[in-house]
């Protein structure tokens, strides 16, 4: 008796060798880059990649965003994002409070310590990204990669994972 046919994908056309090769190359490259970046952030700043993303987004946006704005840019569960923000707040890197513009919104502000930490880890982060991702590419390669990944990202964002989808309002019981 033989095992299941690996080409049988439940009626869905299997990936051809070129697609499979591109998929595996992409996933391995992303994993390797993520590993190096995460290792640098942990060593130099005691930060996870998600925490770095939150701090870097805040630092790049005049220092304040709502939790919803942060969630829109980071693909992470809402509860996980709240937890990570809590860790950053406990460490004195951000503050959270009610927004003066919208009482339902939570405003997140990077502190001076948070900004100093981003300034400290950013040069090594940029160096790793440049060395690992951009150095082997020509200018044309970089242009094509940017175009391709933007198109893929936009396609995926059109059908975001539940954690990245806008919240649906539940009807009130009186409706």
Protein backbone atom coordinates (compact mmCIF):
# COMPACT_ATOMS: atom_id res chain seq x y z
CA UNK A 1 0.00 0.00 0.00
CA UNK A 2 1.31 3.46 -0.85
CA UNK A 3 0.82 6.76 0.99
CA UNK A 4 -1.13 9.76 -0.26
CA UNK A 5 -0.11 11.24 -3.58
CA UNK A 6 1.78 14.50 -2.80
CA UNK A 7 0.42 16.00 -6.01
CA UNK A 8 -3.17 15.48 -4.79
CA UNK A 9 -4.19 18.81 -3.31
CA UNK A 10 -7.90 18.14 -2.94
CA UNK A 11 -8.86 19.14 -6.45
CA UNK A 12 -6.71 22.32 -6.41
CA UNK A 13 -3.98 22.50 -9.02
CA UNK A 14 -0.59 21.80 -7.41
CA UNK A 15 2.16 24.39 -7.55
CA UNK A 16 4.41 23.90 -10.56
CA UNK A 17 8.18 23.60 -9.96
CA UNK A 18 8.81 27.28 -10.70
CA UNK A 19 6.05 28.40 -8.28
CA UNK A 20 7.23 25.97 -5.63
CA UNK A 21 10.84 27.14 -5.99
CA UNK A 22 9.83 30.81 -5.75
CA UNK A 23 7.63 30.11 -2.72
CA UNK A 24 10.35 28.21 -0.84
CA UNK A 25 13.02 30.81 -1.72
CA UNK A 26 10.76 33.61 -0.46
CA UNK A 27 9.85 31.83 2.78
CA UNK A 28 13.46 30.86 3.52
CA UNK A 29 14.70 34.39 2.78
CA UNK A 30 12.04 35.95 5.02
CA UNK A 31 12.82 33.47 7.82
CA UNK A 32 16.57 34.12 7.61
CA UNK A 33 16.13 37.90 7.53
CA UNK A 34 13.65 37.80 10.42
CA UNK A 35 16.01 35.63 12.48
CA UNK A 36 18.96 38.02 12.02
CA UNK A 37 16.86 41.13 12.65
CA UNK A 38 15.21 39.64 15.74
CA UNK A 39 18.59 38.50 17.10
CA UNK A 40 20.02 42.02 16.68
CA UNK A 41 17.00 43.68 18.32
CA UNK A 42 17.09 41.28 21.29
CA UNK A 43 20.86 41.70 21.77
CA UNK A 44 21.05 45.47 21.32
CA UNK A 45 17.71 46.59 22.70
CA UNK A 46 16.01 43.67 24.47
CA UNK A 47 13.15 44.11 21.99
CA UNK A 48 11.06 41.72 19.95
CA UNK A 49 10.50 42.59 16.30
CA UNK A 50 6.88 43.53 17.04
CA UNK A 51 7.96 45.87 19.84
CA UNK A 52 10.52 47.45 17.50
CA UNK A 53 7.83 47.92 14.83
CA UNK A 54 5.59 49.69 17.34
CA UNK A 55 8.35 51.99 18.57
CA UNK A 56 9.65 52.72 15.06
CA UNK A 57 6.15 53.56 13.79
CA UNK A 58 5.62 55.90 16.72
CA UNK A 59 9.04 57.53 16.27
CA UNK A 60 8.29 58.06 12.57
CA UNK A 61 4.87 59.65 13.14
CA UNK A 62 5.51 62.63 15.41
CA UNK A 63 5.48 60.28 18.38
CA UNK A 64 1.75 59.56 18.69
CA UNK A 65 -0.71 57.12 17.13
CA UNK A 66 -3.89 55.43 18.25
CA UNK A 67 -3.84 51.71 19.00
CA UNK A 68 -6.02 51.26 15.89
CA UNK A 69 -3.48 53.08 13.71
CA UNK A 70 -0.71 50.91 15.13
CA UNK A 71 -2.75 47.74 14.56
CA UNK A 72 -3.42 48.72 10.94
CA UNK A 73 0.31 48.71 10.21
CA UNK A 74 1.34 45.61 12.18
CA UNK A 75 -0.06 42.19 11.33
CA UNK A 76 -0.49 40.88 14.85
CA UNK A 77 -3.50 39.90 16.95
CA UNK A 78 -5.23 42.75 18.76
CA UNK A 79 -4.77 41.04 22.12
CA UNK A 80 -1.10 40.39 21.32
CA UNK A 81 -0.62 44.01 20.31
CA UNK A 82 -2.23 45.19 23.55
CA UNK A 83 0.05 42.85 25.49
CA UNK A 84 3.18 44.12 23.69
CA UNK A 85 2.10 47.74 24.27
CA UNK A 86 1.69 46.89 27.96
CA UNK A 87 5.25 45.55 28.11
CA UNK A 88 6.58 48.68 26.39
CA UNK A 89 4.60 50.89 28.77
CA UNK A 90 5.89 48.97 31.80
CA UNK A 91 9.44 49.46 30.49
CA UNK A 92 8.83 53.23 30.23
CA UNK A 93 9.13 53.29 26.42
CA UNK A 94 5.56 54.39 25.65
CA UNK A 95 2.55 55.82 27.46
CA UNK A 96 -1.09 55.07 26.74
CA UNK A 97 -4.07 57.22 27.48
CA UNK A 98 -7.43 58.38 26.16
CA UNK A 99 -7.44 60.43 23.00
CA UNK A 100 -8.70 63.99 23.33
CA UNK A 101 -10.19 63.69 19.82
CA UNK A 102 -12.05 60.39 20.29
CA UNK A 103 -12.96 59.08 23.74
CA UNK A 104 -13.12 55.50 22.38
CA UNK A 105 -9.54 55.63 21.10
CA UNK A 106 -6.39 54.91 23.06
CA UNK A 107 -3.53 57.22 22.20
CA UNK A 108 -0.03 55.74 22.34
CA UNK A 109 2.93 58.10 22.77
CA UNK A 110 6.60 57.21 22.56
CA UNK A 111 8.64 58.47 25.52
CA UNK A 112 12.10 60.01 25.39
CA UNK A 113 13.49 56.64 26.55
CA UNK A 114 11.60 54.88 23.75
CA UNK A 115 12.92 57.29 21.15
CA UNK A 116 16.48 56.90 22.51
CA UNK A 117 16.16 53.11 22.25
CA UNK A 118 14.99 53.31 18.63
CA UNK A 119 17.89 55.67 17.87
CA UNK A 120 20.32 53.19 19.48
CA UNK A 121 19.13 50.00 17.67
CA UNK A 122 18.20 51.54 14.31
CA UNK A 123 21.73 51.81 12.82
CA UNK A 124 22.43 48.09 13.39
CA UNK A 125 18.97 47.20 12.11
CA UNK A 126 19.55 49.18 8.92
CA UNK A 127 23.00 47.63 8.54
CA UNK A 128 21.54 44.10 8.81
CA UNK A 129 18.74 44.82 6.34
CA UNK A 130 21.11 46.40 3.85
CA UNK A 131 23.72 43.61 4.16
CA UNK A 132 21.27 40.71 4.02
CA UNK A 133 18.54 41.97 1.71
CA UNK A 134 19.73 44.82 -0.47
CA UNK A 135 23.48 44.26 -1.04
CA UNK A 136 23.00 41.29 -3.42
CA UNK A 137 20.52 43.29 -5.56
CA UNK A 138 21.15 45.64 -8.45
CA UNK A 139 19.18 48.88 -8.69
CA UNK A 140 16.89 47.21 -11.26
CA UNK A 141 16.43 44.20 -8.99
CA UNK A 142 15.47 46.49 -6.12
CA UNK A 143 12.95 48.34 -8.28
CA UNK A 144 11.39 45.05 -9.44
CA UNK A 145 11.36 43.59 -5.92
CA UNK A 146 9.66 46.71 -4.56
CA UNK A 147 7.06 46.64 -7.34
CA UNK A 148 6.39 42.92 -6.95
CA UNK A 149 6.16 42.93 -3.16
CA UNK A 150 3.93 46.02 -3.17
CA UNK A 151 1.55 44.27 -5.57
CA UNK A 152 1.57 41.08 -3.47
CA UNK A 153 1.07 43.02 -0.22
CA UNK A 154 -1.81 45.03 -1.65
CA UNK A 155 -3.43 41.82 -2.93
CA UNK A 156 -3.09 40.21 0.52
CA UNK A 157 -4.30 43.34 2.32
CA UNK A 158 -7.48 43.18 0.22
CA UNK A 159 -8.26 39.97 2.18
CA UNK A 160 -6.52 40.61 5.52
CA UNK A 161 -6.24 38.01 8.27
CA UNK A 162 -8.80 38.40 11.02
CA UNK A 163 -6.26 40.16 13.25
CA UNK A 164 -5.66 42.83 10.59
CA UNK A 165 -9.27 43.27 9.45
CA UNK A 166 -11.26 46.29 10.62
CA UNK A 167 -13.49 45.53 13.57
CA UNK A 168 -17.13 44.96 12.82
CA UNK A 169 -19.55 46.68 15.14
CA UNK A 170 -21.98 44.38 16.83
CA UNK A 171 -25.59 45.50 16.63
CA UNK A 172 -26.82 46.83 19.92
CA UNK A 173 -29.43 44.69 21.69
CA UNK A 174 -31.95 47.53 21.29
CA UNK A 175 -31.59 47.61 17.48
